[in-house]
PDB file of N, CA and C in Angstrom:
ATOM      1  N   UNK A   1     110.683 122.782  92.657  1.00  0.00           N
ATOM      2  CA  UNK A   1     109.415 122.643  93.172  1.00  0.00           C
ATOM      3  C   UNK A   1     109.760 121.905  94.224  1.00  0.00           C
ATOM      4  N   UNK A   2     109.087 123.476  95.572  1.00  0.00           N
ATOM      5  CA  UNK A   2     109.099 122.099  96.959  1.00  0.00           C
ATOM      6  C   UNK A   2     108.673 121.889  97.580  1.00  0.00           C
ATOM      7  N   UNK A   3     106.417 122.300  97.389  1.00  0.00           N
ATOM      8  CA  UNK A   3     105.459 121.136  98.252  1.00  0.00           C
ATOM      9  C   UNK A   3     104.673 121.276  96.677  1.00  0.00           C
ATOM     10  N   UNK A   4     103.844 120.111  96.691  1.00  0.00           N
ATOM     11  CA  UNK A   4     102.385 120.805  96.285  1.00  0.00           C
ATOM     12  C   UNK A   4     101.331 119.469  96.248  1.00  0.00           C
ATOM     13  N   UNK A   5     100.501 120.436  96.993  1.00  0.00           N
ATOM     14  CA  UNK A   5      99.025 120.941  97.047  1.00  0.00           C
ATOM     15  C   UNK A   5      97.977 120.328  96.997  1.00  0.00           C
ATOM     16  N   UNK A   6      97.195 119.164  96.370  1.00  0.00           N
ATOM     17  CA  UNK A   6      96.280 118.531  95.792  1.00  0.00           C
ATOM     18  C   UNK A   6      95.632 118.457  96.792  1.00  0.00           C
ATOM     19  N   UNK A   7      94.134 119.643  96.463  1.00  0.00           N
ATOM     20  CA  UNK A   7      92.781 120.213  97.108  1.00  0.00           C
ATOM     21  C   UNK A   7      91.316 119.876  96.998  1.00  0.00           C
ATOM     22  N   UNK A   8      90.703 119.685  97.466  1.00  0.00           N
ATOM     23  CA  UNK A   8      89.169 120.021  97.349  1.00  0.00           C
ATOM     24  C   UNK A   8      88.556 121.446  97.269  1.00  0.00           C
ATOM     25  N   UNK A   9      87.735 122.276  96.431  1.00  0.00           N
ATOM     26  CA  UNK A   9      87.681 123.004  96.807  1.00  0.00           C
ATOM     27  C   UNK A   9      86.553 123.726  95.354  1.00  0.00           C
ATOM     28  N   UNK A  10      86.185 124.679  96.245  1.00  0.00           N
ATOM     29  CA  UNK A  10      84.673 124.811  94.677  1.00  0.00           C
ATOM     30  C   UNK A  10      85.226 125.915  94.168  1.00  0.00           C
ATOM     31  N   UNK A  11      84.836 126.487  92.290  1.00  0.00           N
ATOM     32  CA  UNK A  11      85.190 127.621  91.773  1.00  0.00           C
ATOM     33  C   UNK A  11      85.873 129.083  92.744  1.00  0.00           C
ATOM     34  N   UNK A  12      84.650 129.695  92.954  1.00  0.00           N
ATOM     35  CA  UNK A  12      84.744 130.484  94.202  1.00  0.00           C
ATOM     36  C   UNK A  12      86.626 130.713  94.448  1.00  0.00           C
ATOM     37  N   UNK A  13      86.728 129.379  95.508  1.00  0.00           N
ATOM     38  CA  UNK A  13      88.343 129.207  95.765  1.00  0.00           C
ATOM     39  C   UNK A  13      88.988 129.693  95.336  1.00  0.00           C
ATOM     40  N   UNK A  14      88.524 128.911  94.503  1.00  0.00           N
ATOM     41  CA  UNK A  14      90.132 128.896  93.428  1.00  0.00           C
ATOM     42  C   UNK A  14      90.413 129.915  92.123  1.00  0.00           C
ATOM     43  N   UNK A  15      88.796 130.711  92.174  1.00  0.00           N
ATOM     44  CA  UNK A  15      89.307 132.040  91.798  1.00  0.00           C
ATOM     45  C   UNK A  15      89.883 133.066  92.655  1.00  0.00           C
ATOM     46  N   UNK A  16      89.309 132.670  93.672  1.00  0.00           N
ATOM     47  CA  UNK A  16      90.547 133.955  94.654  1.00  0.00           C
ATOM     48  C   UNK A  16      91.749 133.712  94.884  1.00  0.00           C
ATOM     49  N   UNK A  17      92.320 131.909  94.520  1.00  0.00           N
ATOM     50  CA  UNK A  17      94.032 131.664  95.871  1.00  0.00           C
ATOM     51  C   UNK A  17      94.343 132.740  93.880  1.00  0.00           C
ATOM     52  N   UNK A  18      93.543 132.772  93.363  1.00  0.00           N
ATOM     53  CA  UNK A  18      94.467 133.330  91.214  1.00  0.00           C
ATOM     54  C   UNK A  18      94.286 134.262  91.412  1.00  0.00           C
ATOM     55  N   UNK A  19      93.231 135.458  91.938  1.00  0.00           N
ATOM     56  CA  UNK A  19      93.472 137.251  91.783  1.00  0.00           C
ATOM     57  C   UNK A  19      94.118 137.227  93.341  1.00  0.00           C
ATOM     58  N   UNK A  20      95.007 136.063  94.565  1.00  0.00           N
ATOM     59  CA  UNK A  20      95.990 136.920  94.965  1.00  0.00           C
ATOM     60  C   UNK A  20      96.586 136.766  94.671  1.00  0.00           C
ATOM     61  N   UNK A  21      97.275 135.733  93.111  1.00  0.00           N
ATOM     62  CA  UNK A  21      98.588 134.582  93.435  1.00  0.00           C
ATOM     63  C   UNK A  21      98.729 136.450  92.621  1.00  0.00           C
ATOM     64  N   UNK A  22      97.795 136.809  91.396  1.00  0.00           N
ATOM     65  CA  UNK A  22      98.180 137.975  90.471  1.00  0.00           C
ATOM     66  C   UNK A  22      98.243 139.085  91.214  1.00  0.00           C
ATOM     67  N   UNK A  23      97.718 139.576  92.934  1.00  0.00           N
ATOM     68  CA  UNK A  23      98.206 140.808  92.880  1.00  0.00           C
ATOM     69  C   UNK A  23      99.364 140.479  93.410  1.00  0.00           C
ATOM     70  N   UNK A  24     100.216 139.406  94.130  1.00  0.00           N
ATOM     71  CA  UNK A  24     101.707 139.010  93.720  1.00  0.00           C
ATOM     72  C   UNK A  24     102.015 139.127  92.489  1.00  0.00           C
ATOM     73  N   UNK A  25     101.735 138.918  92.294  1.00  0.00           N
ATOM     74  CA  UNK A  25     102.641 139.032  90.880  1.00  0.00           C
ATOM     75  C   UNK A  25     102.728 140.404  89.929  1.00  0.00           C
ATOM     76  N   UNK A  26     100.834 141.019  90.282  1.00  0.00           N
ATOM     77  CA  UNK A  26     101.747 142.602  90.048  1.00  0.00           C
ATOM     78  C   UNK A  26     103.294 143.587  90.540  1.00  0.00           C
ATOM     79  N   UNK A  27     102.836 143.093  92.348  1.00  0.00           N
ATOM     80  CA  UNK A  27     104.027 143.766  93.319  1.00  0.00           C
ATOM     81  C   UNK A  27     104.809 142.992  93.628  1.00  0.00           C
ATOM     82  N   UNK A  28     105.379 141.915  92.521  1.00  0.00           N
ATOM     83  CA  UNK A  28     106.393 142.069  92.347  1.00  0.00           C
ATOM     84  C   UNK A  28     107.335 141.281  93.212  1.00  0.00           C
ATOM     85  N   UNK A  29     105.497 140.317  93.962  1.00  0.00           N
ATOM     86  CA  UNK A  29     106.448 139.120  95.468  1.00  0.00           C
ATOM     87  C   UNK A  29     106.756 138.263  94.805  1.00  0.00           C
ATOM     88  N   UNK A  30     107.603 137.718  95.591  1.00  0.00           N
ATOM     89  CA  UNK A  30     108.365 136.238  95.707  1.00  0.00           C
ATOM     90  C   UNK A  30     107.011 135.382  95.175  1.00  0.00           C
ATOM     91  N   UNK A  31     106.916 133.868  94.712  1.00  0.00           N
ATOM     92  CA  UNK A  31     106.262 133.217  95.121  1.00  0.00           C
ATOM     93  C   UNK A  31     107.120 132.116  95.626  1.00  0.00           C
ATOM     94  N   UNK A  32     106.162 131.065  96.277  1.00  0.00           N
ATOM     95  CA  UNK A  32     106.852 129.887  97.621  1.00  0.00           C
ATOM     96  C   UNK A  32     106.721 128.456  96.063  1.00  0.00           C
ATOM     97  N   UNK A  33     107.421 128.164  96.129  1.00  0.00           N
ATOM     98  CA  UNK A  33     107.892 127.294  95.292  1.00  0.00           C
ATOM     99  C   UNK A  33     107.141 126.203  95.421  1.00  0.00           C
ATOM    100  N   UNK A  34     105.127 126.015  95.399  1.00  0.00           N
ATOM    101  CA  UNK A  34     103.946 125.433  95.548  1.00  0.00           C
ATOM    102  C   UNK A  34     103.574 125.238  94.142  1.00  0.00           C
ATOM    103  N   UNK A  35     102.545 124.143  94.088  1.00  0.00           N
ATOM    104  CA  UNK A  35     101.491 123.409  92.493  1.00  0.00           C
ATOM    105  C   UNK A  35     100.368 122.913  93.892  1.00  0.00           C
ATOM    106  N   UNK A  36      99.231 123.818  92.822  1.00  0.00           N
ATOM    107  CA  UNK A  36      97.784 123.410  93.801  1.00  0.00           C
ATOM    108  C   UNK A  36      97.007 123.110  93.233  1.00  0.00           C
ATOM    109  N   UNK A  37      96.458 121.469  92.658  1.00  0.00           N
ATOM    110  CA  UNK A  37      95.586 121.712  92.247  1.00  0.00           C
ATOM    111  C   UNK A  37      94.780 121.566  93.049  1.00  0.00           C
ATOM    112  N   UNK A  38      93.618 121.450  92.648  1.00  0.00           N
ATOM    113  CA  UNK A  38      91.782 121.224  92.233  1.00  0.00           C
ATOM    114  C   UNK A  38      90.989 120.466  91.735  1.00  0.00           C
ATOM    115  N   UNK A  39      90.333 119.977  92.990  1.00  0.00           N
ATOM    116  CA  UNK A  39      89.246 119.104  92.247  1.00  0.00           C
ATOM    117  C   UNK A  39      87.793 119.804  92.886  1.00  0.00           C
ATOM    118  N   UNK A  40      86.596 119.330  92.446  1.00  0.00           N
ATOM    119  CA  UNK A  40      84.921 120.518  93.419  1.00  0.00           C
ATOM    120  C   UNK A  40      85.446 119.277  94.093  1.00  0.00           C
ATOM    121  N   UNK A  41      84.698 117.823  93.989  1.00  0.00           N
ATOM    122  CA  UNK A  41      84.793 116.718  94.835  1.00  0.00           C
ATOM    123  C   UNK A  41      85.665 115.722  95.257  1.00  0.00           C
ATOM    124  N   UNK A  42      85.503 115.833  96.783  1.00  0.00           N
ATOM    125  CA  UNK A  42      86.873 114.922  97.337  1.00  0.00           C
ATOM    126  C   UNK A  42      86.624 113.135  96.919  1.00  0.00           C
ATOM    127  N   UNK A  43      85.386 112.893  95.858  1.00  0.00           N
ATOM    128  CA  UNK A  43      85.384 111.540  95.634  1.00  0.00           C
ATOM    129  C   UNK A  43      86.136 111.438  94.569  1.00  0.00           C
ATOM    130  N   UNK A  44      86.077 112.119  93.644  1.00  0.00           N
ATOM    131  CA  UNK A  44      87.002 112.226  92.380  1.00  0.00           C
ATOM    132  C   UNK A  44      88.393 112.603  92.534  1.00  0.00           C
ATOM    133  N   UNK A  45      88.858 113.557  94.024  1.00  0.00           N
ATOM    134  CA  UNK A  45      90.659 112.960  93.987  1.00  0.00           C
ATOM    135  C   UNK A  45      90.688 111.850  94.745  1.00  0.00           C
ATOM    136  N   UNK A  46      90.159 111.493  95.597  1.00  0.00           N
ATOM    137  CA  UNK A  46      90.580 109.721  96.139  1.00  0.00           C
ATOM    138  C   UNK A  46      90.232 108.476  94.302  1.00  0.00           C
ATOM    139  N   UNK A  47      89.962 108.915  93.665  1.00  0.00           N
ATOM    140  CA  UNK A  47      89.482 108.053  92.669  1.00  0.00           C
ATOM    141  C   UNK A  47      89.678 108.726  92.006  1.00  0.00           C
ATOM    142  N   UNK A  48      91.066 109.880  90.905  1.00  0.00           N
ATOM    143  CA  UNK A  48      92.316 110.029  90.548  1.00  0.00           C
ATOM    144  C   UNK A  48      93.563 109.396  90.954  1.00  0.00           C
ATOM    145  N   UNK A  49      93.092 109.492  92.614  1.00  0.00           N
ATOM    146  CA  UNK A  49      94.410 109.133  93.650  1.00  0.00           C
ATOM    147  C   UNK A  49      94.156 108.546  94.801  1.00  0.00           C
ATOM    148  N   UNK A  50      93.807 106.848  93.432  1.00  0.00           N
ATOM    149  CA  UNK A  50      93.747 105.092  94.332  1.00  0.00           C
ATOM    150  C   UNK A  50      94.697 105.310  95.205  1.00  0.00           C
ATOM    151  N   UNK A  51      94.411 104.646  97.105  1.00  0.00           N
ATOM    152  CA  UNK A  51      95.204 104.333  97.412  1.00  0.00           C
ATOM    153  C   UNK A  51      96.605 102.952  96.441  1.00  0.00           C
ATOM    154  N   UNK A  52      96.067 103.480  95.799  1.00  0.00           N
ATOM    155  CA  UNK A  52      98.028 102.271  94.486  1.00  0.00           C
ATOM    156  C   UNK A  52      98.257 103.635  94.489  1.00  0.00           C
ATOM    157  N   UNK A  53      97.413 104.341  93.488  1.00  0.00           N
ATOM    158  CA  UNK A  53      98.796 105.181  93.279  1.00  0.00           C
ATOM    159  C   UNK A  53      99.597 106.207  93.783  1.00  0.00           C
ATOM    160  N   UNK A  54      98.605 106.585  95.212  1.00  0.00           N
ATOM    161  CA  UNK A  54      98.526 106.502  96.103  1.00  0.00           C
ATOM    162  C   UNK A  54     100.128 106.479  96.364  1.00  0.00           C
ATOM    163  N   UNK A  55     101.023 105.422  96.794  1.00  0.00           N
ATOM    164  CA  UNK A  55     101.712 104.065  97.777  1.00  0.00           C
ATOM    165  C   UNK A  55     103.092 104.334  95.976  1.00  0.00           C
ATOM    166  N   UNK A  56     102.315 104.215  94.426  1.00  0.00           N
ATOM    167  CA  UNK A  56     103.478 104.581  93.487  1.00  0.00           C
ATOM    168  C   UNK A  56     104.051 106.225  94.013  1.00  0.00           C
ATOM    169  N   UNK A  57     103.646 107.180  94.430  1.00  0.00           N
ATOM    170  CA  UNK A  57     103.433 108.913  94.766  1.00  0.00           C
ATOM    171  C   UNK A  57     104.793 108.606  95.549  1.00  0.00           C
ATOM    172  N   UNK A  58     104.596 107.190  96.492  1.00  0.00           N
ATOM    173  CA  UNK A  58     105.346 107.776  97.962  1.00  0.00           C
ATOM    174  C   UNK A  58     106.325 106.655  97.557  1.00  0.00           C
ATOM    175  N   UNK A  59     106.998 106.190  97.095  1.00  0.00           N
ATOM    176  CA  UNK A  59     107.916 105.193  96.364  1.00  0.00           C
ATOM    177  C   UNK A  59     108.935 106.140  95.392  1.00  0.00           C
ATOM    178  N   UNK A  60     108.462 107.225  94.666  1.00  0.00           N
ATOM    179  CA  UNK A  60     109.429 107.492  93.906  1.00  0.00           C
ATOM    180  C   UNK A  60     109.451 109.202  94.382  1.00  0.00           C
ATOM    181  N   UNK A  61     109.498 109.662  95.168  1.00  0.00           N
ATOM    182  CA  UNK A  61     108.882 110.595  96.937  1.00  0.00           C
ATOM    183  C   UNK A  61     110.761 110.528  97.686  1.00  0.00           C
ATOM    184  N   UNK A  62     111.057 108.853  97.755  1.00  0.00           N
ATOM    185  CA  UNK A  62     111.777 108.586  98.793  1.00  0.00           C
ATOM    186  C   UNK A  62     112.982 108.376  97.219  1.00  0.00           C
ATOM    187  N   UNK A  63     113.112 107.906  96.745  1.00  0.00           N
ATOM    188  CA  UNK A  63     114.340 108.173  95.853  1.00  0.00           C
ATOM    189  C   UNK A  63     113.603 107.200  93.851  1.00  0.00           C
ATOM    190  N   UNK A  64     113.956 108.175  93.180  1.00  0.00           N
ATOM    191  CA  UNK A  64     114.109 107.525  91.431  1.00  0.00           C
ATOM    192  C   UNK A  64     113.655 105.857  91.372  1.00  0.00           C
ATOM    193  N   UNK A  65     113.207 105.981  91.152  1.00  0.00           N
ATOM    194  CA  UNK A  65     112.609 104.375  90.557  1.00  0.00           C
ATOM    195  C   UNK A  65     112.206 103.459  89.312  1.00  0.00           C
ATOM    196  N   UNK A  66     113.099 102.625  88.558  1.00  0.00           N
ATOM    197  CA  UNK A  66     112.253 102.533  86.996  1.00  0.00           C
ATOM    198  C   UNK A  66     111.209 101.829  87.519  1.00  0.00           C
ATOM    199  N   UNK A  67     110.875 102.011  85.745  1.00  0.00           N
ATOM    200  CA  UNK A  67     108.738 100.697  85.982  1.00  0.00           C
ATOM    201  C   UNK A  67     108.898  99.588  86.816  1.00  0.00           C
ATOM    202  N   UNK A  68     110.599  99.019  86.101  1.00  0.00           N
ATOM    203  CA  UNK A  68     110.750  98.109  87.399  1.00  0.00           C
ATOM    204  C   UNK A  68     110.374  97.378  88.181  1.00  0.00           C
ATOM    205  N   UNK A  69     110.765  98.221  88.809  1.00  0.00           N
ATOM    206  CA  UNK A  69     111.505  98.874  90.579  1.00  0.00           C
ATOM    207  C   UNK A  69     110.277  98.867  90.882  1.00  0.00           C
ATOM    208  N   UNK A  70     109.501  99.259  90.190  1.00  0.00           N
ATOM    209  CA  UNK A  70     108.329  99.886  90.204  1.00  0.00           C
ATOM    210  C   UNK A  70     106.867  98.752  91.074  1.00  0.00           C
ATOM    211  N   UNK A  71     106.712  98.307  90.033  1.00  0.00           N
ATOM    212  CA  UNK A  71     106.013  96.933  89.593  1.00  0.00           C
ATOM    213  C   UNK A  71     106.927  95.626  90.874  1.00  0.00           C
ATOM    214  N   UNK A  72     107.861  95.445  90.609  1.00  0.00           N
ATOM    215  CA  UNK A  72     108.829  93.950  92.064  1.00  0.00           C
ATOM    216  C   UNK A  72     108.216  95.027  93.148  1.00  0.00           C
ATOM    217  N   UNK A  73     108.274  96.115  93.962  1.00  0.00           N
ATOM    218  CA  UNK A  73     108.699  96.812  94.937  1.00  0.00           C
ATOM    219  C   UNK A  73     107.031  96.947  95.376  1.00  0.00           C
ATOM    220  N   UNK A  74     106.104  97.320  94.501  1.00  0.00           N
ATOM    221  CA  UNK A  74     104.324  97.244  94.667  1.00  0.00           C
ATOM    222  C   UNK A  74     103.071  95.928  94.540  1.00  0.00           C
ATOM    223  N   UNK A  75     104.283  94.782  93.830  1.00  0.00           N
ATOM    224  CA  UNK A  75     103.468  93.599  93.137  1.00  0.00           C
ATOM    225  C   UNK A  75     102.477  93.802  92.205  1.00  0.00           C
ATOM    226  N   UNK A  76     102.654  94.945  91.738  1.00  0.00           N
ATOM    227  CA  UNK A  76     101.907  95.365  89.917  1.00  0.00           C
ATOM    228  C   UNK A  76     102.062  95.299  89.315  1.00  0.00           C
ATOM    229  N   UNK A  77     101.786  94.663  88.647  1.00  0.00           N
ATOM    230  CA  UNK A  77     101.566  94.320  86.377  1.00  0.00           C
ATOM    231  C   UNK A  77     102.585  95.483  86.128  1.00  0.00           C
ATOM    232  N   UNK A  78     103.348  95.064  85.581  1.00  0.00           N
ATOM    233  CA  UNK A  78     103.648  96.067  84.610  1.00  0.00           C
ATOM    234  C   UNK A  78     103.411  97.716  84.265  1.00  0.00           C
ATOM    235  N   UNK A  79     102.600  96.928  83.241  1.00  0.00           N
ATOM    236  CA  UNK A  79     101.405  97.836  82.523  1.00  0.00           C
ATOM    237  C   UNK A  79     101.056  98.884  83.429  1.00  0.00           C
ATOM    238  N   UNK A  80     100.575  97.942  84.540  1.00  0.00           N
ATOM    239  CA  UNK A  80      98.822  99.132  85.130  1.00  0.00           C
ATOM    240  C   UNK A  80      99.518 100.046  85.243  1.00  0.00           C
ATOM    241  N   UNK A  81     101.527 100.140  86.026  1.00  0.00           N
ATOM    242  CA  UNK A  81     102.172 100.967  86.511  1.00  0.00           C
ATOM    243  C   UNK A  81     102.408 102.083  85.666  1.00  0.00           C
ATOM    244  N   UNK A  82     103.134 101.432  84.130  1.00  0.00           N
ATOM    245  CA  UNK A  82     103.130 101.751  83.740  1.00  0.00           C
ATOM    246  C   UNK A  82     102.127 103.159  82.924  1.00  0.00           C
ATOM    247  N   UNK A  83     100.842 103.008  83.185  1.00  0.00           N
ATOM    248  CA  UNK A  83      99.393 103.707  82.985  1.00  0.00           C
ATOM    249  C   UNK A  83      98.773 103.911  84.073  1.00  0.00           C
ATOM    250  N   UNK A  84      99.782 104.216  85.380  1.00  0.00           N
ATOM    251  CA  UNK A  84      99.858 105.269  86.950  1.00  0.00           C
ATOM    252  C   UNK A  84     100.582 106.302  86.539  1.00  0.00           C
ATOM    253  N   UNK A  85     102.141 105.772  85.853  1.00  0.00           N
ATOM    254  CA  UNK A  85     102.829 106.500  85.908  1.00  0.00           C
ATOM    255  C   UNK A  85     102.643 108.168  85.186  1.00  0.00           C
ATOM    256  N   UNK A  86     101.472 107.451  83.926  1.00  0.00           N
ATOM    257  CA  UNK A  86     100.950 108.240  82.599  1.00  0.00           C
ATOM    258  C   UNK A  86     100.503 108.973  83.679  1.00  0.00           C
ATOM    259  N   UNK A  87      99.030 108.339  83.745  1.00  0.00           N
ATOM    260  CA  UNK A  87      97.972 109.414  84.859  1.00  0.00           C
ATOM    261  C   UNK A  87      98.969 110.149  85.506  1.00  0.00           C
ATOM    262  N   UNK A  88      99.310 109.960  86.478  1.00  0.00           N
ATOM    263  CA  UNK A  88     100.480 111.426  86.996  1.00  0.00           C
ATOM    264  C   UNK A  88     101.619 112.398  86.877  1.00  0.00           C
ATOM    265  N   UNK A  89     101.922 111.302  85.494  1.00  0.00           N
ATOM    266  CA  UNK A  89     102.750 112.801  84.661  1.00  0.00           C
ATOM    267  C   UNK A  89     101.722 113.347  84.278  1.00  0.00           C
ATOM    268  N   UNK A  90     100.145 112.942  83.235  1.00  0.00           N
ATOM    269  CA  UNK A  90     100.043 114.156  83.490  1.00  0.00           C
ATOM    270  C   UNK A  90      99.021 115.490  83.990  1.00  0.00           C
ATOM    271  N   UNK A  91      99.538 114.564  85.687  1.00  0.00           N
ATOM    272  CA  UNK A  91      98.824 114.948  86.456  1.00  0.00           C
ATOM    273  C   UNK A  91     100.342 116.664  86.773  1.00  0.00           C
ATOM    274  N   UNK A  92     101.156 116.573  86.391  1.00  0.00           N
ATOM    275  CA  UNK A  92     101.799 117.358  86.567  1.00  0.00           C
ATOM    276  C   UNK A  92     102.663 116.281  88.048  1.00  0.00           C
ATOM    277  N   UNK A  93     102.612 115.979  88.983  1.00  0.00           N
ATOM    278  CA  UNK A  93     102.733 114.901  90.074  1.00  0.00           C
ATOM    279  C   UNK A  93     104.320 113.947  90.248  1.00  0.00           C
ATOM    280  N   UNK A  94     103.711 113.432  88.818  1.00  0.00           N
ATOM    281  CA  UNK A  94     105.928 112.708  88.403  1.00  0.00           C
ATOM    282  C   UNK A  94     106.143 113.316  86.805  1.00  0.00           C
ATOM    283  N   UNK A  95     107.087 113.092  87.227  1.00  0.00           N
ATOM    284  CA  UNK A  95     108.128 113.049  85.542  1.00  0.00           C
ATOM    285  C   UNK A  95     109.273 111.453  85.113  1.00  0.00           C
ATOM    286  N   UNK A  96     109.532 111.696  84.298  1.00  0.00           N
ATOM    287  CA  UNK A  96     109.870 110.405  83.606  1.00  0.00           C
ATOM    288  C   UNK A  96     111.130 110.698  82.319  1.00  0.00           C
ATOM    289  N   UNK A  97     112.266 109.567  82.763  1.00  0.00           N
ATOM    290  CA  UNK A  97     112.660 109.898  81.477  1.00  0.00           C
ATOM    291  C   UNK A  97     113.255 109.040  81.264  1.00  0.00           C
ATOM    292  N   UNK A  98     113.930 108.803  79.940  1.00  0.00           N
ATOM    293  CA  UNK A  98     114.289 107.355  79.295  1.00  0.00           C
ATOM    294  C   UNK A  98     115.649 107.238  79.419  1.00  0.00           C
ATOM    295  N   UNK A  99     116.266 105.742  79.977  1.00  0.00           N
ATOM    296  CA  UNK A  99     117.525 105.710  79.574  1.00  0.00           C
ATOM    297  C   UNK A  99     118.177 104.785  79.701  1.00  0.00           C
ATOM    298  N   UNK A 100     119.170 105.122  79.389  1.00  0.00           N
ATOM    299  CA  UNK A 100     120.326 103.585  78.503  1.00  0.00           C
ATOM    300  C   UNK A 100     120.325 103.187  79.604  1.00  0.00           C
ATOM    301  N   UNK A 101     119.897 100.866  79.911  1.00  0.00           N
ATOM    302  CA  UNK A 101     120.107  99.848  80.534  1.00  0.00           C
ATOM    303  C   UNK A 101     120.766  99.338  79.578  1.00  0.00           C
ATOM    304  N   UNK A 102     122.545  99.190  80.239  1.00  0.00           N
ATOM    305  CA  UNK A 102     122.954  98.561  79.263  1.00  0.00           C
ATOM    306  C   UNK A 102     122.988  97.315  79.101  1.00  0.00           C
ATOM    307  N   UNK A 103     123.008  96.557  78.527  1.00  0.00           N
ATOM    308  CA  UNK A 103     122.735  95.166  78.615  1.00  0.00           C
ATOM    309  C   UNK A 103     121.226  95.077  78.258  1.00  0.00           C
ATOM    310  N   UNK A 104     120.556  96.295  78.567  1.00  0.00           N
ATOM    311  CA  UNK A 104     119.248  95.220  78.224  1.00  0.00           C
ATOM    312  C   UNK A 104     118.200  96.838  77.793  1.00  0.00           C
ATOM    313  N   UNK A 105     119.291  97.296  76.641  1.00  0.00           N
ATOM    314  CA  UNK A 105     118.026  98.694  76.448  1.00  0.00           C
ATOM    315  C   UNK A 105     117.826  99.873  76.854  1.00  0.00           C
ATOM    316  N   UNK A 106     116.358 100.287  76.818  1.00  0.00           N
ATOM    317  CA  UNK A 106     116.176 101.385  77.565  1.00  0.00           C
ATOM    318  C   UNK A 106     115.269 100.748  78.395  1.00  0.00           C
ATOM    319  N   UNK A 107     115.625 102.259  79.628  1.00  0.00           N
ATOM    320  CA  UNK A 107     113.915 101.570  80.771  1.00  0.00           C
ATOM    321  C   UNK A 107     113.910 103.116  80.804  1.00  0.00           C
ATOM    322  N   UNK A 108     112.159 103.124  81.743  1.00  0.00           N
ATOM    323  CA  UNK A 108     111.785 104.347  82.227  1.00  0.00           C
ATOM    324  C   UNK A 108     112.416 105.088  83.317  1.00  0.00           C
ATOM    325  N   UNK A 109     112.961 105.808  84.380  1.00  0.00           N
ATOM    326  CA  UNK A 109     112.844 106.543  85.566  1.00  0.00           C
ATOM    327  C   UNK A 109     112.226 107.066  85.822  1.00  0.00           C
ATOM    328  N   UNK A 110     111.490 106.878  86.999  1.00  0.00           N
ATOM    329  CA  UNK A 110     110.177 107.927  87.275  1.00  0.00           C
ATOM    330  C   UNK A 110     110.948 108.235  88.466  1.00  0.00           C
ATOM    331  N   UNK A 111     110.227 109.934  88.759  1.00  0.00           N
ATOM    332  CA  UNK A 111     110.742 111.025  90.456  1.00  0.00           C
ATOM    333  C   UNK A 111     109.588 111.356  90.507  1.00  0.00           C
ATOM    334  N   UNK A 112     109.160 112.040  91.667  1.00  0.00           N
ATOM    335  CA  UNK A 112     109.055 113.056  91.823  1.00  0.00           C
ATOM    336  C   UNK A 112     109.590 114.947  91.803  1.00  0.00           C
ATOM    337  N   UNK A 113     108.055 115.185  90.888  1.00  0.00           N
ATOM    338  CA  UNK A 113     108.197 116.709  91.132  1.00  0.00           C
ATOM    339  C   UNK A 113     108.590 117.508  92.584  1.00  0.00           C
ATOM    340  N   UNK A 114     108.037 116.929  93.109  1.00  0.00           N
ATOM    341  CA  UNK A 114     107.829 117.074  95.024  1.00  0.00           C
ATOM    342  C   UNK A 114     108.628 116.556  95.631  1.00  0.00           C
ATOM    343  N   UNK A 115     109.658 117.151  97.508  1.00  0.00           N
ATOM    344  CA  UNK A 115     109.509 115.916  98.201  1.00  0.00           C
ATOM    345  C   UNK A 115     108.652 116.232  98.878  1.00  0.00           C
ATOM    346  N   UNK A 116     107.564 116.814  98.709  1.00  0.00           N
ATOM    347  CA  UNK A 116     107.039 116.817  99.832  1.00  0.00           C
ATOM    348  C   UNK A 116     104.928 116.625  98.726  1.00  0.00           C
ATOM    349  N   UNK A 117     104.268 116.028  99.670  1.00  0.00           N
ATOM    350  CA  UNK A 117     102.716 116.814  98.563  1.00  0.00           C
ATOM    351  C   UNK A 117     101.133 116.422  99.470  1.00  0.00           C
ATOM    352  N   UNK A 118     100.606 117.381  99.452  1.00  0.00           N
ATOM    353  CA  UNK A 118      99.834 117.846 100.579  1.00  0.00           C
ATOM    354  C   UNK A 118      98.644 117.728 100.188  1.00  0.00           C
ATOM    355  N   UNK A 119      97.571 116.585 101.025  1.00  0.00           N
ATOM    356  CA  UNK A 119      96.350 116.202 100.175  1.00  0.00           C
ATOM    357  C   UNK A 119      95.677 117.619 101.313  1.00  0.00           C
ATOM    358  N   UNK A 120      94.434 117.373 101.030  1.00  0.00           N
ATOM    359  CA  UNK A 120      93.401 118.057 101.899  1.00  0.00           C
ATOM    360  C   UNK A 120      92.070 118.179 100.682  1.00  0.00           C
ATOM    361  N   UNK A 121      91.495 117.093 101.359  1.00  0.00           N
ATOM    362  CA  UNK A 121      90.334 117.241 101.141  1.00  0.00           C
ATOM    363  C   UNK A 121      88.829 117.800 102.456  1.00  0.00           C
ATOM    364  N   UNK A 122      88.269 118.795 102.298  1.00  0.00           N
ATOM    365  CA  UNK A 122      87.417 119.060 103.068  1.00  0.00           C
ATOM    366  C   UNK A 122      85.289 118.318 102.120  1.00  0.00           C
ATOM    367  N   UNK A 123      84.997 118.034 103.765  1.00  0.00           N
ATOM    368  CA  UNK A 123      83.654 117.339 102.993  1.00  0.00           C
ATOM    369  C   UNK A 123      82.898 118.823 103.607  1.00  0.00           C
ATOM    370  N   UNK A 124      81.495 118.311 103.107  1.00  0.00           N
ATOM    371  CA  UNK A 124      80.884 119.585 103.101  1.00  0.00           C
ATOM    372  C   UNK A 124      80.513 120.369 102.627  1.00  0.00           C
TER     373      UNK A 124
END
């Protein structure tokens, strides 16, 4: 995936984009590597994608990091980071995998699913 777009949109615009995508698929056209997540309300988008979660996403967009590294770099509690990573994984923005940490057990490494995330909020 090359890009993620997070936007505010109403149902009509969502279905319009879906129809365009279906039309392209029927014509055998290639799809760009883009995922779009839509929120109906800008406030809901910024509640889910809070400043702390956006900073977390920026950290792992530069390079994959462990939960412990994120906790130290962002000066946040490890359990809060774990909770936010879980939510962002459910949304499809981050992925994590468990890997061996010799002498210390298992660690979770978190990375972004795309090198670029675009956020678009339309008020009105």
